[in-house]
Amino acid sequence: MKLSIGYITAPTKSEARQIVASLLEEELIACANIFDGVESHFVWDGELTHAAEVVIIVKTRQKNEDKISRLVRHMSSYECPCVVFIPMGNGNPEFLEWVETTLS
């Protein structure tokens, strides 16, 4: 089974926790990490800006990526939420097996 790591941003820790809880309840992810206090810099509506954000890292199957993206876009208070995925390559075989069996 092909696995991936998802990178998602949220404006608050509370919203990030709600997103993670929904993803876990829907059995779309094996686990998530929430990083609070991230300082993001970007151009929005033609203006250079910055904001405090929360980053969510999820471990999942590649076949779940579209469902995760839809759920996050539905739940997020952002106009254009960041939801991207990276294929998971080599790693701790026991951890990769745990991700696979958790999502079975």
C-alpha atoms as a PDB file:
ATOM      1  CA  MET A   1       0.000   0.000   0.000  1.00  0.00           C
ATOM      2  CA  LYS A   2       1.334   3.453  -0.880  1.00  0.00           C
ATOM      3  CA  LEU A   3       1.603   5.867   2.048  1.00  0.00           C
ATOM      4  CA  SER A   4       1.965   9.634   2.214  1.00  0.00           C
ATOM      5  CA  ILE A   5       2.600  12.485   4.612  1.00  0.00           C
ATOM      6  CA  GLY A   6       0.180  15.397   4.544  1.00  0.00           C
ATOM      7  CA  TYR A   7       1.032  18.998   5.395  1.00  0.00           C
ATOM      8  CA  ILE A   8      -1.966  21.109   6.462  1.00  0.00           C
ATOM      9  CA  THR A   9      -2.185  24.574   8.021  1.00  0.00           C
ATOM     10  CA  ALA A  10      -4.833  26.044  10.310  1.00  0.00           C
ATOM     11  CA  PRO A  11      -5.255  29.478  11.897  1.00  0.00           C
ATOM     12  CA  THR A  12      -5.667  28.193  15.476  1.00  0.00           C
ATOM     13  CA  LYS A  13      -4.778  25.189  17.596  1.00  0.00           C
ATOM     14  CA  SER A  14      -8.461  24.652  18.320  1.00  0.00           C
ATOM     15  CA  GLU A  15      -9.311  24.419  14.611  1.00  0.00           C
ATOM     16  CA  ALA A  16      -6.322  22.132  14.021  1.00  0.00           C
ATOM     17  CA  ARG A  17      -7.521  19.807  16.787  1.00  0.00           C
ATOM     18  CA  GLN A  18     -11.033  19.717  15.299  1.00  0.00           C
ATOM     19  CA  ILE A  19      -9.645  18.859  11.864  1.00  0.00           C
ATOM     20  CA  VAL A  20      -7.418  16.113  13.290  1.00  0.00           C
ATOM     21  CA  ALA A  21     -10.288  14.658  15.337  1.00  0.00           C
ATOM     22  CA  SER A  22     -12.493  14.474  12.233  1.00  0.00           C
ATOM     23  CA  LEU A  23      -9.744  12.892  10.145  1.00  0.00           C
ATOM     24  CA  LEU A  24      -9.158  10.264  12.848  1.00  0.00           C
ATOM     25  CA  GLU A  25     -12.894   9.605  13.302  1.00  0.00           C
ATOM     26  CA  GLU A  26     -13.270   9.111   9.543  1.00  0.00           C
ATOM     27  CA  GLU A  27     -10.261   6.737   9.646  1.00  0.00           C
ATOM     28  CA  LEU A  28      -8.512   8.799   6.966  1.00  0.00           C
ATOM     29  CA  ILE A  29      -5.247   9.156   8.906  1.00  0.00           C
ATOM     30  CA  ALA A  30      -3.234   6.925  11.225  1.00  0.00           C
ATOM     31  CA  CYS A  31      -1.927   9.802  13.314  1.00  0.00           C
ATOM     32  CA  ALA A  32      -1.168  13.528  13.321  1.00  0.00           C
ATOM     33  CA  ASN A  33       1.270  16.005  14.836  1.00  0.00           C
ATOM     34  CA  ILE A  34       0.199  19.559  15.644  1.00  0.00           C
ATOM     35  CA  PHE A  35       2.849  22.299  15.705  1.00  0.00           C
ATOM     36  CA  ASP A  36       1.612  25.541  17.261  1.00  0.00           C
ATOM     37  CA  GLY A  37       3.272  28.949  17.003  1.00  0.00           C
ATOM     38  CA  VAL A  38       4.475  28.712  13.417  1.00  0.00           C
ATOM     39  CA  GLU A  39       5.241  32.081  11.800  1.00  0.00           C
ATOM     40  CA  SER A  40       4.171  32.089   8.149  1.00  0.00           C
ATOM     41  CA  HIS A  41       5.130  34.708   5.556  1.00  0.00           C
ATOM     42  CA  PHE A  42       3.326  34.927   2.223  1.00  0.00           C
ATOM     43  CA  VAL A  43       1.769  37.138  -0.424  1.00  0.00           C
ATOM     44  CA  TRP A  44      -2.040  37.345  -0.236  1.00  0.00           C
ATOM     45  CA  ASP A  45      -4.191  39.584  -2.421  1.00  0.00           C
ATOM     46  CA  GLY A  46      -1.004  41.167  -3.753  1.00  0.00           C
ATOM     47  CA  GLU A  47       0.321  42.163  -0.337  1.00  0.00           C
ATOM     48  CA  LEU A  48       3.249  40.774   1.638  1.00  0.00           C
ATOM     49  CA  THR A  49       1.898  39.575   4.958  1.00  0.00           C
ATOM     50  CA  HIS A  50       2.615  37.251   7.862  1.00  0.00           C
ATOM     51  CA  ALA A  51       0.513  35.358  10.360  1.00  0.00           C
ATOM     52  CA  ALA A  52       0.717  32.934  13.230  1.00  0.00           C
ATOM     53  CA  GLU A  53      -0.390  29.493  12.083  1.00  0.00           C
ATOM     54  CA  VAL A  54      -0.629  25.929  13.252  1.00  0.00           C
ATOM     55  CA  VAL A  55       0.863  23.132  11.140  1.00  0.00           C
ATOM     56  CA  ILE A  56      -0.658  19.660  11.037  1.00  0.00           C
ATOM     57  CA  ILE A  57       1.399  16.714   9.763  1.00  0.00           C
ATOM     58  CA  VAL A  58      -0.633  13.574   9.015  1.00  0.00           C
ATOM     59  CA  LYS A  59       0.309  10.039   7.983  1.00  0.00           C
ATOM     60  CA  THR A  60      -2.083   8.330   5.601  1.00  0.00           C
ATOM     61  CA  ARG A  61      -2.593   6.248   2.492  1.00  0.00           C
ATOM     62  CA  GLN A  62      -2.307   7.986  -0.854  1.00  0.00           C
ATOM     63  CA  LYS A  63      -5.823   6.806  -1.736  1.00  0.00           C
ATOM     64  CA  ASN A  64      -7.173   8.970   1.146  1.00  0.00           C
ATOM     65  CA  GLU A  65      -5.611  12.230  -0.056  1.00  0.00           C
ATOM     66  CA  ASP A  66      -8.647  13.543  -1.986  1.00  0.00           C
ATOM     67  CA  LYS A  67     -11.024  12.778   0.902  1.00  0.00           C
ATOM     68  CA  ILE A  68      -8.671  14.501   3.361  1.00  0.00           C
ATOM     69  CA  SER A  69      -8.372  17.538   1.111  1.00  0.00           C
ATOM     70  CA  ARG A  70     -12.170  17.827   0.777  1.00  0.00           C
ATOM     71  CA  LEU A  71     -12.737  17.453   4.520  1.00  0.00           C
ATOM     72  CA  VAL A  72     -10.092  20.064   5.385  1.00  0.00           C
ATOM     73  CA  ARG A  73     -11.442  22.520   2.786  1.00  0.00           C
ATOM     74  CA  HIS A  74     -14.930  22.031   4.243  1.00  0.00           C
ATOM     75  CA  MET A  75     -13.826  22.497   7.873  1.00  0.00           C
ATOM     76  CA  SER A  76     -11.183  25.186   7.472  1.00  0.00           C
ATOM     77  CA  SER A  77     -11.959  28.828   8.147  1.00  0.00           C
ATOM     78  CA  TYR A  78      -9.319  29.729   5.539  1.00  0.00           C
ATOM     79  CA  GLU A  79     -10.453  30.870   2.108  1.00  0.00           C
ATOM     80  CA  CYS A  80      -7.685  28.749   0.552  1.00  0.00           C
ATOM     81  CA  PRO A  81      -6.337  26.199   3.076  1.00  0.00           C
ATOM     82  CA  CYS A  82      -2.951  24.578   2.549  1.00  0.00           C
ATOM     83  CA  VAL A  83      -3.361  20.823   2.055  1.00  0.00           C
ATOM     84  CA  VAL A  84      -0.471  19.077   0.294  1.00  0.00           C
ATOM     85  CA  PHE A  85       0.914  15.541   0.277  1.00  0.00           C
ATOM     86  CA  ILE A  86       4.344  13.983  -0.128  1.00  0.00           C
ATOM     87  CA  PRO A  87       4.792  10.272  -0.924  1.00  0.00           C
ATOM     88  CA  MET A  88       6.283   8.410   2.038  1.00  0.00           C
ATOM     89  CA  GLY A  89       9.467   6.578   1.091  1.00  0.00           C
ATOM     90  CA  ASN A  90      11.807   4.526   3.185  1.00  0.00           C
ATOM     91  CA  GLY A  91      11.587   4.625   6.931  1.00  0.00           C
ATOM     92  CA  ASN A  92      11.241   2.545  10.049  1.00  0.00           C
ATOM     93  CA  PRO A  93       9.552  -0.625   8.721  1.00  0.00           C
ATOM     94  CA  GLU A  94       7.673  -1.162  11.994  1.00  0.00           C
ATOM     95  CA  PHE A  95       6.241   2.367  11.867  1.00  0.00           C
ATOM     96  CA  LEU A  96       5.236   2.044   8.205  1.00  0.00           C
ATOM     97  CA  GLU A  97       3.549  -1.270   8.987  1.00  0.00           C
ATOM     98  CA  TRP A  98       1.729   0.346  11.929  1.00  0.00           C
ATOM     99  CA  VAL A  99       0.405   3.123   9.648  1.00  0.00           C
ATOM    100  CA  GLU A 100      -0.817   0.522   7.144  1.00  0.00           C
ATOM    101  CA  THR A 101      -2.501  -1.700   9.737  1.00  0.00           C
ATOM    102  CA  THR A 102      -4.056   1.250  11.572  1.00  0.00           C
ATOM    103  CA  LEU A 103      -5.820   2.305   8.372  1.00  0.00           C
ATOM    104  CA  SER A 104      -7.033  -1.211   7.456  1.00  0.00           C
END
